Every structure is written in C-alpha cells, then in structure tokens.
C-alpha cells in the first residue's frame, strides 16, 4: 500500500517509526546493504521491504520477535 502502515491498531502504535525500503533483490551488492542500513536509520526497529517482506531488529532475539510479531498483526489488521 502506498500509504504505508497506518497507526490504526495497538500493534501498529507499538512499533514506533516504521522504515521502508524498495527491495531490489539479493543483498550481494555492498551499496544495497548500505542503503538498507540508511533506510532503517537509528530509531526504527522494523523495516518493510516493499514487494518482499519484513525485517525487525532488537537488542535481543525476544525484542526482535516482539517487533516482527506486532508488525505482522498490524499488517493483517490493516
């Protein structure tokens, strides 16, 4: 969706800033890796790879799972 993830559910609101990246294929190109890092930025914990999937990061596996789970639920609700 062009509008991105809307803050219409508690799960969406729990994610904070959501980052987006136009996915162009396998990450073998160093420039693509740098661009993904730049798009994720210093604050975002979740990244939506347009036309591909979802990515989450965290200080622990549990934190990353929390974010990816809430992102999936928020997408299903929307």
Protein backbone atom coordinates (compact mmCIF):
# COMPACT_ATOMS: atom_id res chain seq x y z
CA UNK A 1 0.00 0.00 0.00
CA UNK A 2 1.32 3.39 -0.94
CA UNK A 3 0.15 4.91 2.35
CA UNK A 4 2.36 2.57 4.36
CA UNK A 5 1.43 1.16 7.73
CA UNK A 6 -1.24 3.27 9.37
CA UNK A 7 -1.44 3.73 13.17
CA UNK A 8 -4.88 2.13 13.41
CA UNK A 9 -4.19 -0.66 15.91
CA UNK A 10 -2.37 -1.04 19.22
CA UNK A 11 0.14 -3.30 17.47
CA UNK A 12 0.91 -0.64 14.85
CA UNK A 13 1.28 2.02 17.53
CA UNK A 14 3.73 -0.14 19.49
CA UNK A 15 6.19 -0.18 16.59
CA UNK A 16 7.26 3.43 16.67
CA UNK A 17 8.83 4.70 13.47
CA UNK A 18 8.44 2.22 10.60
CA UNK A 19 11.08 2.32 7.86
CA UNK A 20 10.62 1.35 4.21
CA UNK A 21 12.99 0.11 1.52
CA UNK A 22 12.39 -0.60 -2.17
CA UNK A 23 13.73 -4.15 -2.40
CA UNK A 24 15.86 -4.87 -5.47
CA UNK A 25 16.98 -8.45 -4.93
CA UNK A 26 19.62 -10.44 -3.09
CA UNK A 27 21.94 -8.46 -0.86
CA UNK A 28 25.21 -9.17 -2.66
CA UNK A 29 25.79 -5.56 -3.61
CA UNK A 30 27.52 -3.52 -0.87
CA UNK A 31 25.62 -0.38 -1.93
CA UNK A 32 22.29 -2.15 -1.36
CA UNK A 33 23.37 -3.16 2.15
CA UNK A 34 24.38 0.41 2.98
CA UNK A 35 21.07 1.72 1.60
CA UNK A 36 19.09 -0.70 3.79
CA UNK A 37 21.05 0.43 6.85
CA UNK A 38 20.40 4.05 5.93
CA UNK A 39 16.67 3.43 5.41
CA UNK A 40 16.39 1.62 8.75
CA UNK A 41 18.03 4.57 10.46
CA UNK A 42 18.98 4.93 14.12
CA UNK A 43 15.45 4.83 15.59
CA UNK A 44 13.45 2.25 13.60
CA UNK A 45 13.14 -1.30 14.84
CA UNK A 46 11.17 -2.53 11.82
CA UNK A 47 11.75 -2.27 8.09
CA UNK A 48 9.25 -3.09 5.37
CA UNK A 49 10.94 -4.33 2.21
CA UNK A 50 8.45 -3.26 -0.44
CA UNK A 51 7.34 -6.20 -2.62
CA UNK A 52 9.32 -8.63 -0.49
CA UNK A 53 8.83 -8.88 3.28
CA UNK A 54 9.51 -7.63 6.76
CA UNK A 55 12.63 -7.19 8.89
CA UNK A 56 12.97 -6.41 12.58
CA UNK A 57 15.94 -5.73 14.84
CA UNK A 58 16.36 -5.59 18.58
CA UNK A 59 18.77 -5.77 21.48
CA UNK A 60 17.75 -9.44 21.89
CA UNK A 61 16.00 -12.17 19.94
CA UNK A 62 12.95 -11.64 22.14
CA UNK A 63 12.80 -7.93 21.32
CA UNK A 64 13.18 -8.57 17.58
CA UNK A 65 10.41 -11.19 17.77
CA UNK A 66 8.15 -8.76 19.65
CA UNK A 67 8.52 -6.20 16.86
CA UNK A 68 8.11 -8.64 13.96
CA UNK A 69 5.05 -10.25 15.61
CA UNK A 70 3.37 -6.88 16.16
CA UNK A 71 4.25 -5.81 12.61
CA UNK A 72 2.64 -8.92 11.13
CA UNK A 73 -0.50 -8.45 13.24
CA UNK A 74 -0.68 -4.74 12.34
CA UNK A 75 -0.41 -5.59 8.64
CA UNK A 76 -3.15 -8.23 8.94
CA UNK A 77 -5.45 -5.74 10.68
CA UNK A 78 -4.85 -3.08 8.06
